[in-house]
Amino acid sequence: MDLFFAGHGPWLFWLIGLCAIWSFVPPIEAFACTKVWLYGAGAIVIVWSAFIDFRFFRFAMERSPARAARDLLLQRLISWTIIIAIFGGPAIPPEIAARLVGFGL
C-alpha cells in the first residue's frame, strides 16, 4: 500500500505549492502565479505521478509493461471521473447539467 500511495507525493507537493502561493503572495500577484502553477506545474505533476504509478503496477504488482499501462489508464479513468464529478459537478451551469442528466429533455 505504501508503494501505491507514493504516487500521491507529487500531488501533495503541488497542493502545498498552491497553498503557499495563496498564503504568502498578495492576491493580485497570486492570480498570475496560480495560472502558471496550475498549468505548468500541473502538467509536470501529472506525468511524474503517472510514472510513479506505472512503476508501481510494473514492479510491485509484477505486471508486463502493456498490462501495467492498461492498469494505470483504468485506475486513472475510474478515479479521475469520480473526482471530476464530485469537485467539478457543482460548478457545471444548470443548463448543461439538465442536458447531461435529462439528455436534453
Protein backbone atom coordinates (compact mmCIF):
# COMPACT_ATOMS: atom_id res chain seq x y z
CA MET A 1 0.00 0.00 0.00
CA ASP A 2 2.81 2.41 0.83
CA LEU A 3 4.29 1.99 -2.63
CA PHE A 4 0.96 2.77 -4.28
CA PHE A 5 0.40 5.92 -2.23
CA ALA A 6 3.91 7.15 -3.11
CA GLY A 7 2.26 8.27 -6.37
CA HIS A 8 0.32 10.84 -4.37
CA GLY A 9 3.54 12.60 -3.32
CA PRO A 10 3.76 14.83 -6.41
CA TRP A 11 0.13 15.88 -5.96
CA LEU A 12 0.72 16.78 -2.32
CA PHE A 13 3.78 18.83 -3.32
CA TRP A 14 1.66 20.59 -5.96
CA LEU A 15 -1.12 21.36 -3.46
CA ILE A 16 1.38 22.66 -0.89
CA GLY A 17 2.81 24.95 -3.58
CA LEU A 18 -0.66 26.24 -4.43
CA CYS A 19 -1.41 26.86 -0.76
CA ALA A 20 1.93 28.64 -0.32
CA ILE A 21 1.17 30.94 -3.25
CA TRP A 22 -2.16 31.97 -1.76
CA SER A 23 -0.73 32.25 1.76
CA PHE A 24 2.36 34.34 1.08
CA VAL A 25 1.73 36.23 -2.17
CA PRO A 26 -0.57 39.27 -2.38
CA PRO A 27 -3.86 38.43 -4.14
CA ILE A 28 -3.15 40.43 -7.31
CA GLU A 29 0.12 38.58 -7.96
CA ALA A 30 -1.34 35.30 -6.70
CA PHE A 31 -3.72 35.13 -9.66
CA ALA A 32 -0.80 35.31 -12.12
CA CYS A 33 1.27 32.81 -10.12
CA THR A 34 -1.69 30.46 -9.79
CA LYS A 35 -2.20 30.23 -13.56
CA VAL A 36 1.46 29.30 -14.08
CA TRP A 37 1.40 26.86 -11.16
CA LEU A 38 -1.89 25.22 -12.20
CA TYR A 39 -0.94 24.60 -15.82
CA GLY A 40 2.86 24.43 -15.81
CA ALA A 41 3.48 22.53 -12.61
CA GLY A 42 0.21 20.63 -13.02
CA ALA A 43 1.39 19.10 -16.30
CA ILE A 44 4.68 18.06 -14.69
CA VAL A 45 2.86 16.53 -11.74
CA ILE A 46 0.53 14.52 -13.98
CA VAL A 47 3.49 12.97 -15.81
CA TRP A 48 5.53 12.46 -12.63
CA SER A 49 2.64 10.81 -10.80
CA ALA A 50 1.79 8.60 -13.79
CA PHE A 51 5.42 7.45 -13.95
CA ILE A 52 5.40 6.51 -10.26
CA ASP A 53 2.09 4.68 -10.62
CA PHE A 54 3.27 2.88 -13.75
CA ARG A 55 6.37 1.70 -11.89
CA PHE A 56 4.14 0.50 -9.06
CA PHE A 57 1.99 -1.58 -11.41
CA ARG A 58 5.05 -2.79 -13.29
CA PHE A 59 7.27 -3.88 -10.40
CA ALA A 60 5.22 -4.12 -7.19
CA MET A 61 2.29 -5.81 -8.93
CA GLU A 62 4.65 -7.64 -11.34
CA ARG A 63 2.72 -6.76 -14.49
CA SER A 64 4.02 -6.71 -18.05
CA PRO A 65 4.61 -3.22 -19.47
CA ALA A 66 1.40 -3.38 -21.53
CA ARG A 67 -0.68 -4.63 -18.62
CA ALA A 68 0.86 -2.04 -16.29
CA ALA A 69 -0.07 0.72 -18.75
CA ARG A 70 -3.61 -0.68 -19.05
CA ASP A 71 -3.98 -0.84 -15.26
CA LEU A 72 -2.69 2.72 -14.94
CA LEU A 73 -5.17 4.00 -17.53
CA LEU A 74 -8.04 2.11 -15.91
CA GLN A 75 -7.13 3.41 -12.45
CA ARG A 76 -6.90 6.99 -13.75
CA LEU A 77 -10.16 6.71 -15.69
CA ILE A 78 -12.10 5.49 -12.66
CA SER A 79 -10.58 7.77 -10.04
CA TRP A 80 -10.41 10.96 -12.12
CA THR A 81 -14.01 10.53 -13.32
CA ILE A 82 -15.19 10.33 -9.72
CA ILE A 83 -13.01 13.27 -8.64
CA ILE A 84 -14.23 15.47 -11.51
CA ALA A 85 -17.84 14.55 -10.79
CA ILE A 86 -17.51 15.40 -7.09
CA PHE A 87 -15.50 18.60 -7.35
CA GLY A 88 -16.48 19.80 -10.81
CA GLY A 89 -20.15 18.83 -10.66
CA PRO A 90 -21.30 21.80 -8.59
CA ALA A 91 -19.53 24.16 -10.99
CA ILE A 92 -21.48 22.94 -14.03
CA PRO A 93 -24.08 25.52 -15.09
CA PRO A 94 -27.67 24.32 -14.51
CA GLU A 95 -28.49 24.30 -18.24
CA ILE A 96 -25.63 21.93 -19.03
CA ALA A 97 -26.40 19.76 -16.00
CA ALA A 98 -30.04 19.45 -17.13
CA ARG A 99 -28.92 18.32 -20.57
CA LEU A 100 -26.48 15.81 -19.13
CA VAL A 101 -28.97 14.35 -16.68
CA GLY A 102 -32.11 14.58 -18.81
CA PHE A 103 -30.34 14.12 -22.15
CA GLY A 104 -31.76 17.40 -23.43
CA LEU A 105 -35.32 16.83 -22.24
